[in-house]
Amino acid sequence: MDGRKHKRSGVHHNNKKLNPVWRPVSKLSTQVSSNEECSALEVTDKLACSSTKISSAQDDIEMASAVPEATKFTTCSSASQDNEEDKGSEGETVLLTEKHSISVEVGASLHRFIRGKGGSTQKMIEDETGVKIKIPLSKKEDSIIIEGLSSESVSRASEKIQAIIDEAVKSPSLDYSHFISLPLAIHPELVDKLVNFQNSILGITDSSQGENLDSGSNEDEDQKLKKGSDVAVELKAEPSKSPTLSDLGIEKSIFIKPKTFHLTVLMLKLWNKDRVHAATEVLQSISSEVMEALDNRPLSIRLKGLNCMRGSFAKAGVLYAPVEEIGNEGRLLRACQVIIDAFVKAGLVLEKDANQKLKLHATVMNASHRKRRNQKRNFSTFDARGIYKQYGSEDWGECLIREAHLSQRFVFDDKGYYHCCASLPFPEICK
């Protein structure tokens, strides 16, 4: 008996070394004795033991020898093996609860919607599903991590996040990130005319100040204009007085930067890398269809006059130069429609945008671009009557449409134009 007790004591000692506690100890565990039954470890189908009575020292040694195998296996076990039981060093049952986690590529622009005001939305999802959501602080990281104790809880949280994304994409709160553009700024003579137009309106005579219109950094000049400088062009709203630029709602920020001059074909919300990649592939895959729509011949346009997109010239929102296709064959509109249809088919266009009729135009002024800081009055429009009187029949010139770009908003290349994610060349030589 003394030898048997000594051996049993040795078995317990080995158990303590070989089987570390991996998870919280269950209160329902029972002590193993020589006259009681014990359930063996149930880690996988590969390791199954029936209940036996421990009646001899040899049985104790065999059970102890099985412990290293079980411990090694749980260390490598996958997240799907939840709530498994293991034996502790003192005969206690230990619950093995592996964490489940998934990485979801959401897009940095959507993180704020998942987080919610003060983290309220994130907390609500965590409380309802019992998961932990990890949102990166860096705007360069798109993915979020969802961690939970079961695949079901992680799946429920993922579904709730997807519902939030679907609503956010439809909301005006999420701005357009990309668009299909036909660059006009590649024509220096057209850029020069636009610079002269802006300088004339703003009363700028120094050409270096005119160049600052592209950078949008000439804040001192903006302040001077707001203080009431007169304009070179006659911008009288009423015969009895000469209004200042500030009175008319005109300031430097509402002019289109000449180096970004373009025609817009389609606006897009591409909120993660996968959608940007998909859009790139769509544009590059339709080259032959676009060439066919253009009849494999170069296409030129003429910009002439000015028109108002919304409202009246007295309360203009957008001022633009109308587009005329040289030859009036409709080839440009057909090519643009091929592009639009391809993106709609790929599911990359919002429903409300897919149903809009295309109206090509070259925007020169847009009140929505107005800078809000240090502004006492909130101008959503501007008075363009004087501008129209001076430039209403302006011939901006003819230019060749050389390519279509998948352009990224708010990001610019070294020439000042929007960053190009992908391009589709148009024919420049008749075949």
Protein backbone atom coordinates (compact mmCIF):
# COMPACT_ATOMS: atom_id res chain seq x y z
CA MET A 1 0.00 0.00 0.00
CA ASP A 2 2.82 2.40 0.85
CA GLY A 3 4.42 1.77 -2.55
CA ARG A 4 1.15 2.31 -4.32
CA LYS A 5 0.53 5.54 -2.49
CA HIS A 6 4.03 6.66 -3.33
CA LYS A 7 3.47 5.95 -7.03
CA ARG A 8 0.10 7.70 -7.01
CA SER A 9 1.71 10.75 -5.48
CA GLY A 10 4.27 10.68 -8.29
CA VAL A 11 1.52 10.58 -10.89
CA HIS A 12 -0.08 13.70 -9.50
CA HIS A 13 3.27 15.44 -9.49
CA ASN A 14 3.79 14.59 -13.18
CA ASN A 15 0.31 15.81 -13.99
CA LYS A 16 1.09 19.22 -12.59
CA LYS A 17 4.13 19.62 -14.83
CA LEU A 18 2.67 18.25 -18.04
CA ASN A 19 -0.80 19.75 -17.97
CA PRO A 20 -0.74 23.55 -17.40
CA VAL A 21 -4.09 25.32 -16.84
CA TRP A 22 -5.15 26.94 -20.11
CA ARG A 23 -8.61 28.26 -19.18
CA PRO A 24 -10.60 29.20 -16.00
CA VAL A 25 -11.29 26.30 -13.64
CA SER A 26 -14.81 24.91 -13.48
CA LYS A 27 -16.53 24.88 -10.07
CA LEU A 28 -18.23 21.58 -11.00
CA SER A 29 -15.05 19.50 -11.07
CA THR A 30 -14.68 16.38 -8.90
CA GLN A 31 -11.71 14.79 -7.13
CA VAL A 32 -10.22 11.60 -8.53
CA SER A 33 -9.84 8.83 -5.97
CA SER A 34 -9.17 5.13 -6.06
CA ASN A 35 -12.85 4.30 -5.63
CA GLU A 36 -14.34 6.89 -8.05
CA GLU A 37 -14.84 7.10 -11.80
CA CYS A 38 -13.12 9.75 -14.00
CA SER A 39 -13.99 10.90 -17.49
CA ALA A 40 -10.96 11.05 -19.78
CA LEU A 41 -9.98 13.99 -21.94
CA GLU A 42 -12.30 14.68 -24.88
CA VAL A 43 -10.17 16.86 -27.14
CA THR A 44 -10.89 15.43 -30.58
CA ASP A 45 -12.30 12.34 -32.24
CA LYS A 46 -8.74 11.05 -32.33
CA LEU A 47 -8.56 10.99 -28.49
CA ALA A 48 -11.51 9.18 -26.86
CA CYS A 49 -11.50 7.36 -23.55
CA SER A 50 -14.23 5.52 -21.67
CA SER A 51 -14.80 5.92 -17.94
CA THR A 52 -12.74 3.47 -15.91
CA LYS A 53 -12.06 2.79 -12.27
CA ILE A 54 -8.56 3.60 -11.16
CA SER A 55 -7.68 0.48 -9.19
CA SER A 56 -3.96 0.09 -9.55
CA ALA A 57 -0.74 2.03 -9.87
CA GLN A 58 -0.38 0.79 -13.45
CA ASP A 59 -3.69 2.49 -14.38
CA ASP A 60 -2.42 5.74 -12.86
CA ILE A 61 0.76 5.61 -14.89
CA GLU A 62 -1.16 4.97 -18.13
CA MET A 63 -3.45 7.94 -17.51
CA ALA A 64 -0.50 10.18 -16.73
CA SER A 65 1.25 9.15 -19.95
CA ALA A 66 -1.80 10.29 -21.96
CA VAL A 67 -1.62 13.83 -20.58
CA PRO A 68 1.30 15.11 -22.73
CA GLU A 69 -0.53 14.12 -25.93
CA ALA A 70 -3.68 15.99 -24.93
CA THR A 71 -1.80 19.10 -23.88
CA LYS A 72 0.18 19.22 -27.11
CA PHE A 73 -2.99 18.89 -29.16
CA THR A 74 -4.91 21.71 -27.45
CA THR A 75 -1.99 24.05 -28.00
CA CYS A 76 -2.43 23.56 -31.75
CA SER A 77 -6.22 23.26 -31.71
CA SER A 78 -8.30 25.44 -34.02
CA ALA A 79 -10.88 28.02 -33.00
CA SER A 80 -13.70 25.60 -33.81
CA GLN A 81 -12.91 23.40 -30.81
CA ASP A 82 -14.75 25.40 -28.16
CA ASN A 83 -15.76 24.36 -24.67
CA GLU A 84 -13.54 21.28 -24.57
CA GLU A 85 -12.63 19.83 -21.17
CA ASP A 86 -9.20 19.01 -19.80
CA LYS A 87 -7.98 17.66 -16.47
CA GLY A 88 -6.17 20.06 -14.17
CA SER A 89 -3.22 19.15 -11.99
CA GLU A 90 -5.42 18.53 -8.95
CA GLY A 91 -8.04 16.52 -10.79
CA GLU A 92 -10.08 19.61 -11.72
CA THR A 93 -11.95 20.03 -15.03
CA VAL A 94 -10.70 22.96 -17.14
CA LEU A 95 -12.77 24.48 -19.97
CA LEU A 96 -10.90 25.07 -23.23
CA THR A 97 -12.54 28.01 -25.01
CA GLU A 98 -10.63 29.01 -28.14
CA LYS A 99 -11.36 32.45 -29.59
CA HIS A 100 -12.84 32.85 -33.04
CA SER A 101 -11.81 35.85 -35.11
CA ILE A 102 -12.27 37.15 -38.62
CA SER A 103 -10.80 40.07 -40.54
CA VAL A 104 -13.29 42.16 -42.51
CA GLU A 105 -12.06 44.61 -45.15
CA VAL A 106 -14.40 47.52 -44.55
CA GLY A 107 -12.51 50.57 -45.78
CA ALA A 108 -11.07 53.35 -43.65
CA SER A 109 -13.75 55.81 -44.75
CA LEU A 110 -16.42 53.60 -43.15
CA HIS A 111 -14.74 53.07 -39.77
CA ARG A 112 -16.50 56.11 -38.30
CA PHE A 113 -19.92 54.63 -39.09
CA ILE A 114 -19.08 51.35 -37.34
CA ARG A 115 -17.59 53.18 -34.37
CA GLY A 116 -20.54 55.56 -34.05
CA LYS A 117 -20.72 58.74 -31.99
CA GLY A 118 -18.47 58.29 -28.99
CA GLY A 119 -18.11 54.59 -29.84
CA SER A 120 -21.83 53.98 -29.22
CA THR A 121 -22.51 51.83 -32.31
CA GLN A 122 -19.46 49.66 -31.73
CA LYS A 123 -20.41 49.12 -28.08
CA MET A 124 -23.98 48.22 -28.99
CA ILE A 125 -22.81 45.50 -31.41
CA GLU A 126 -20.32 44.16 -28.86
CA ASP A 127 -22.97 44.03 -26.11
CA GLU A 128 -25.58 42.36 -28.31
CA THR A 129 -23.28 39.69 -29.77
CA GLY A 130 -20.64 39.26 -27.09
CA VAL A 131 -17.74 39.98 -29.43
CA LYS A 132 -14.83 42.38 -29.38
CA ILE A 133 -14.41 44.68 -32.41
CA LYS A 134 -10.95 46.07 -33.10
CA ILE A 135 -10.95 49.16 -35.37
CA PRO A 136 -7.55 50.50 -36.48
CA LEU A 137 -6.75 54.13 -35.77
CA SER A 138 -4.72 54.54 -38.95
CA LYS A 139 -6.61 55.79 -42.01
CA LYS A 140 -4.35 53.64 -44.18
CA GLU A 141 -5.73 50.38 -42.76
CA ASP A 142 -9.01 49.10 -44.20
CA SER A 143 -9.66 45.95 -42.17
CA ILE A 144 -11.31 45.50 -38.77
CA ILE A 145 -11.04 42.45 -36.53
CA ILE A 146 -14.04 40.72 -34.90
CA GLU A 147 -13.23 38.35 -32.02
CA GLY A 148 -15.68 36.12 -30.16
CA LEU A 149 -16.05 32.86 -28.24
CA SER A 150 -18.13 31.22 -30.98
CA SER A 151 -18.39 31.34 -34.73
CA GLU A 152 -22.08 32.20 -34.36
CA SER A 153 -21.41 35.37 -32.35
CA VAL A 154 -18.74 36.50 -34.80
CA SER A 155 -21.09 35.84 -37.72
CA ARG A 156 -23.92 37.84 -36.11
CA ALA A 157 -21.60 40.79 -35.50
CA SER A 158 -20.35 40.63 -39.08
CA GLU A 159 -23.94 40.75 -40.38
CA LYS A 160 -24.71 43.81 -38.23
CA ILE A 161 -21.60 45.58 -39.51
CA GLN A 162 -22.54 44.78 -43.10
CA ALA A 163 -25.99 46.31 -42.54
CA ILE A 164 -24.34 49.49 -41.23
CA ILE A 165 -22.08 49.62 -44.30
CA ASP A 166 -25.04 49.21 -46.66
CA GLU A 167 -26.84 52.14 -45.06
CA ALA A 168 -23.72 54.32 -44.94
CA VAL A 169 -22.99 53.82 -48.64
CA LYS A 170 -26.44 55.11 -49.57
CA SER A 171 -26.12 58.08 -47.22
CA PRO A 172 -24.86 61.51 -48.32
CA SER A 173 -22.65 61.38 -45.23
CA LEU A 174 -20.27 59.14 -47.19
CA ASP A 175 -18.77 61.21 -49.99
CA TYR A 176 -17.88 59.91 -53.43
CA SER A 177 -14.31 58.64 -53.45
CA HIS A 178 -13.66 58.15 -57.19
CA PHE A 179 -15.07 59.10 -60.58
CA ILE A 180 -14.59 58.44 -64.27
CA SER A 181 -13.07 61.56 -65.80
CA LEU A 182 -12.11 62.79 -69.24
CA PRO A 183 -9.06 65.00 -68.51
CA LEU A 184 -9.05 68.46 -70.10
CA ALA A 185 -6.17 69.86 -68.07
CA ILE A 186 -3.74 68.00 -70.33
CA HIS A 187 -4.26 70.84 -72.84
CA PRO A 188 -2.08 73.81 -71.73
CA GLU A 189 -3.93 76.37 -73.84
CA LEU A 190 -7.22 75.44 -72.15
CA VAL A 191 -5.65 75.69 -68.70
CA ASP A 192 -4.28 79.15 -69.56
CA LYS A 193 -7.74 80.37 -70.60
CA LEU A 194 -9.24 79.12 -67.37
CA VAL A 195 -6.54 80.84 -65.31
CA ASN A 196 -7.15 84.13 -67.14
CA PHE A 197 -10.89 83.77 -66.57
CA GLN A 198 -10.40 83.34 -62.83
CA ASN A 199 -7.86 86.15 -62.58
CA SER A 200 -10.23 88.48 -64.37
CA ILE A 201 -13.12 87.71 -62.03
CA LEU A 202 -11.00 87.98 -58.89
CA GLY A 203 -9.23 91.14 -60.05
CA ILE A 204 -5.79 89.48 -59.96
CA THR A 205 -3.19 91.13 -62.18
CA ASP A 206 -0.10 89.31 -60.85
CA SER A 207 0.30 86.03 -62.75
CA SER A 208 1.98 84.39 -59.74
CA GLN A 209 -1.20 84.96 -57.72
CA GLY A 210 -3.17 83.33 -60.49
CA GLU A 211 -0.96 80.24 -60.24
CA ASN A 212 -1.86 79.98 -56.57
CA LEU A 213 -5.41 79.22 -57.59
CA ASP A 214 -4.23 75.71 -58.31
CA SER A 215 -2.78 75.14 -54.88
CA GLY A 216 -5.68 76.72 -53.01
CA SER A 217 -3.18 78.03 -50.45
CA ASN A 218 -3.38 81.76 -51.09
CA GLU A 219 -5.43 82.51 -47.98
CA ASP A 220 -4.12 86.07 -47.59
CA GLU A 221 -5.49 86.95 -51.01
CA ASP A 222 -8.79 85.38 -50.07
CA GLN A 223 -9.04 87.62 -47.03
CA LYS A 224 -8.27 90.70 -49.13
CA LEU A 225 -11.04 89.81 -51.55
CA LYS A 226 -13.51 89.33 -48.71
CA LYS A 227 -12.72 92.77 -47.35
CA GLY A 228 -14.31 94.37 -50.40
CA SER A 229 -11.99 94.66 -53.36
CA ASP A 230 -13.67 95.57 -56.63
CA VAL A 231 -13.68 93.20 -59.59
CA ALA A 232 -12.15 93.75 -63.01
CA VAL A 233 -15.25 92.32 -64.66
CA GLU A 234 -18.41 94.37 -64.16
CA LEU A 235 -20.37 92.34 -61.59
CA LYS A 236 -23.20 94.72 -60.72
CA ALA A 237 -26.22 93.07 -59.18
CA GLU A 238 -28.00 96.43 -58.93
CA PRO A 239 -27.35 99.65 -60.89
CA SER A 240 -27.30 101.73 -57.71
CA LYS A 241 -24.15 100.22 -56.24
CA SER A 242 -21.01 98.26 -57.05
CA PRO A 243 -21.05 95.14 -54.88
CA THR A 244 -17.92 93.48 -53.61
CA LEU A 245 -17.01 89.87 -54.28
CA SER A 246 -18.12 89.02 -50.77
CA ASP A 247 -21.54 90.56 -51.43
CA LEU A 248 -21.91 88.39 -54.52
CA GLY A 249 -20.83 85.20 -52.75
CA ILE A 250 -17.72 84.91 -54.93
CA GLU A 251 -14.38 83.80 -53.53
CA LYS A 252 -11.34 81.94 -54.77
CA SER A 253 -12.34 78.56 -53.31
CA ILE A 254 -15.44 78.13 -55.51
CA PHE A 255 -13.38 78.21 -58.73
CA ILE A 256 -12.29 74.89 -60.19
CA LYS A 257 -8.53 74.43 -59.99
CA PRO A 258 -7.31 74.79 -63.60
CA LYS A 259 -4.97 71.80 -63.33
CA THR A 260 -7.93 69.55 -62.46
CA PHE A 261 -10.15 70.69 -65.38
CA HIS A 262 -12.15 67.71 -66.66
CA LEU A 263 -15.45 66.22 -67.81
CA THR A 264 -17.21 63.85 -65.41
CA VAL A 265 -18.73 60.65 -66.80
CA LEU A 266 -19.68 58.81 -63.60
CA MET A 267 -19.39 59.26 -59.82
CA LEU A 268 -18.38 56.27 -57.69
CA LYS A 269 -18.16 55.26 -54.03
CA LEU A 270 -15.29 52.78 -53.79
CA TRP A 271 -14.78 52.41 -50.04
CA ASN A 272 -12.17 49.64 -49.95
CA LYS A 273 -9.28 48.22 -51.96
CA ASP A 274 -11.36 45.37 -53.37
CA ARG A 275 -13.82 47.76 -54.98
CA VAL A 276 -11.04 49.96 -56.36
CA HIS A 277 -9.42 46.87 -57.85
CA ALA A 278 -12.75 45.76 -59.34
CA ALA A 279 -13.31 49.20 -60.88
CA THR A 280 -9.80 49.15 -62.36
CA GLU A 281 -10.47 45.80 -64.00
CA VAL A 282 -13.83 46.96 -65.39
CA LEU A 283 -12.34 50.04 -67.07
CA GLN A 284 -9.47 48.10 -68.59
CA SER A 285 -11.72 45.30 -69.82
CA ILE A 286 -13.96 47.46 -72.02
CA SER A 287 -11.32 49.03 -74.25
CA SER A 288 -12.51 47.30 -77.43
CA GLU A 289 -16.17 48.24 -76.81
CA VAL A 290 -15.25 51.89 -76.24
CA MET A 291 -13.09 51.94 -79.37
CA GLU A 292 -15.97 50.51 -81.35
CA ALA A 293 -18.34 53.18 -80.00
CA LEU A 294 -15.83 55.83 -81.10
CA ASP A 295 -15.59 54.16 -84.52
CA ASN A 296 -11.82 53.88 -83.91
CA ARG A 297 -11.43 57.54 -84.79
CA PRO A 298 -10.14 60.50 -82.75
CA LEU A 299 -12.78 62.60 -81.04
CA SER A 300 -12.61 66.32 -80.32
CA ILE A 301 -14.93 68.65 -78.44
CA ARG A 302 -15.55 72.39 -78.29
CA LEU A 303 -16.28 74.32 -75.11
CA LYS A 304 -18.32 77.43 -75.75
CA GLY A 305 -20.26 79.84 -73.55
CA LEU A 306 -21.47 79.46 -69.95
CA ASN A 307 -24.54 77.97 -68.38
CA CYS A 308 -26.00 77.40 -64.92
CA MET A 309 -26.55 73.90 -63.59
CA ARG A 310 -28.93 74.68 -60.73
CA GLY A 311 -31.00 77.75 -59.99
CA SER A 312 -30.61 80.99 -61.91
CA PHE A 313 -27.59 83.13 -62.72
CA ALA A 314 -28.62 85.38 -59.82
CA LYS A 315 -28.41 82.40 -57.47
CA ALA A 316 -26.09 79.95 -59.19
CA GLY A 317 -24.87 76.72 -57.65
CA VAL A 318 -22.71 75.47 -60.52
CA LEU A 319 -21.43 77.41 -63.51
CA TYR A 320 -20.13 75.35 -66.45
CA ALA A 321 -19.02 75.48 -70.06
CA PRO A 322 -21.31 73.42 -72.34
CA VAL A 323 -19.70 70.61 -74.38
CA GLU A 324 -20.17 70.23 -78.13
CA GLU A 325 -18.84 67.19 -79.99
CA ILE A 326 -17.09 68.17 -83.20
CA GLY A 327 -19.10 66.58 -85.98
CA ASN A 328 -22.16 65.95 -83.77
CA GLU A 329 -22.09 62.21 -84.44
CA GLY A 330 -22.90 61.22 -80.88
CA ARG A 331 -19.79 59.06 -80.60
CA LEU A 332 -18.69 60.54 -77.28
CA LEU A 333 -22.03 59.90 -75.59
CA ARG A 334 -22.07 56.33 -76.93
CA ALA A 335 -18.59 55.68 -75.57
CA CYS A 336 -19.53 57.14 -72.18
CA GLN A 337 -22.66 54.98 -72.06
CA VAL A 338 -20.53 51.87 -72.66
CA ILE A 339 -18.45 52.83 -69.63
CA ILE A 340 -21.48 53.54 -67.46
CA ASP A 341 -23.22 50.28 -68.40
CA ALA A 342 -20.12 48.24 -67.58
CA PHE A 343 -19.80 49.74 -64.10
CA VAL A 344 -23.52 49.32 -63.42
CA LYS A 345 -23.33 45.67 -64.46
CA ALA A 346 -20.37 45.17 -62.11
CA GLY A 347 -22.45 46.49 -59.20
CA LEU A 348 -20.15 49.46 -58.59
CA VAL A 349 -22.73 52.23 -59.14
CA LEU A 350 -25.38 53.40 -56.70
CA GLU A 351 -28.93 52.87 -57.94
CA LYS A 352 -29.77 56.58 -57.92
CA ASP A 353 -26.68 57.34 -60.03
CA ALA A 354 -27.31 54.51 -62.46
CA ASN A 355 -30.70 56.00 -63.36
CA GLN A 356 -29.43 59.52 -64.02
CA LYS A 357 -29.13 60.81 -67.56
CA LEU A 358 -25.60 61.79 -68.54
CA LYS A 359 -25.00 65.47 -69.22
CA LEU A 360 -21.38 66.18 -70.06
CA HIS A 361 -20.21 69.59 -68.88
CA ALA A 362 -17.00 71.34 -67.87
CA THR A 363 -17.53 72.93 -64.44
CA VAL A 364 -15.72 76.24 -63.89
CA MET A 365 -17.31 77.34 -60.58
CA ASN A 366 -19.05 75.34 -57.85
CA ALA A 367 -20.52 76.88 -54.68
CA SER A 368 -20.30 73.56 -52.81
CA HIS A 369 -16.49 73.90 -52.84
CA ARG A 370 -16.69 77.03 -50.71
CA LYS A 371 -14.42 77.09 -47.68
CA ARG A 372 -16.45 77.48 -44.50
CA ARG A 373 -13.85 78.80 -42.07
CA ASN A 374 -14.01 82.43 -40.95
CA GLN A 375 -17.22 82.92 -42.87
CA LYS A 376 -20.05 84.82 -41.25
CA ARG A 377 -22.53 84.24 -44.05
CA ASN A 378 -23.29 80.79 -45.42
CA PHE A 379 -23.45 81.13 -49.21
CA SER A 380 -24.85 78.04 -50.94
CA THR A 381 -25.05 80.02 -54.18
CA PHE A 382 -23.36 83.00 -55.83
CA ASP A 383 -24.44 85.80 -58.12
CA ALA A 384 -23.13 84.97 -61.62
CA ARG A 385 -25.04 87.57 -63.63
CA GLY A 386 -22.01 89.78 -64.18
CA ILE A 387 -19.86 86.79 -65.09
CA TYR A 388 -22.41 85.58 -67.61
CA LYS A 389 -22.65 89.03 -69.14
CA GLN A 390 -18.90 89.03 -69.75
CA TYR A 391 -18.29 85.36 -70.61
CA GLY A 392 -21.67 84.03 -71.69
CA SER A 393 -20.51 83.57 -75.29
CA GLU A 394 -16.85 82.78 -74.55
CA ASP A 395 -15.18 80.35 -76.98
CA TRP A 396 -12.89 78.27 -74.79
CA GLY A 397 -11.54 76.37 -77.75
CA GLU A 398 -11.38 72.85 -79.16
CA CYS A 399 -9.54 69.92 -77.63
CA LEU A 400 -8.94 66.23 -78.28
CA ILE A 401 -10.27 63.68 -75.78
CA ARG A 402 -7.28 61.42 -75.34
CA GLU A 403 -8.30 59.07 -72.53
CA ALA A 404 -10.67 58.21 -69.72
CA HIS A 405 -9.40 57.90 -66.13
CA LEU A 406 -10.57 56.17 -62.99
CA SER A 407 -9.71 59.20 -60.84
CA GLN A 408 -9.40 59.36 -57.07
CA ARG A 409 -10.83 62.45 -55.43
CA PHE A 410 -8.78 64.58 -53.02
CA VAL A 411 -5.52 62.94 -54.16
CA PHE A 412 -3.37 64.55 -56.86
CA ASP A 413 -0.39 63.61 -59.02
CA ASP A 414 2.78 65.67 -59.51
CA LYS A 415 1.09 67.67 -62.30
CA GLY A 416 -1.84 68.67 -60.10
CA TYR A 417 -4.44 66.38 -61.70
CA TYR A 418 -6.43 63.76 -59.81
CA HIS A 419 -4.58 60.54 -59.03
CA CYS A 420 -5.17 58.02 -61.82
CA CYS A 421 -6.03 54.50 -60.64
CA ALA A 422 -6.54 53.22 -64.20
CA SER A 423 -6.81 54.69 -67.69
CA LEU A 424 -8.44 53.82 -70.99
CA PRO A 425 -6.86 55.43 -74.07
CA PHE A 426 -9.00 56.93 -76.83
CA PRO A 427 -7.88 56.81 -80.48
CA GLU A 428 -5.63 59.70 -81.49
CA ILE A 429 -4.91 58.63 -85.06
CA CYS A 430 -7.47 57.59 -87.66
CA LYS A 431 -7.19 53.92 -88.59
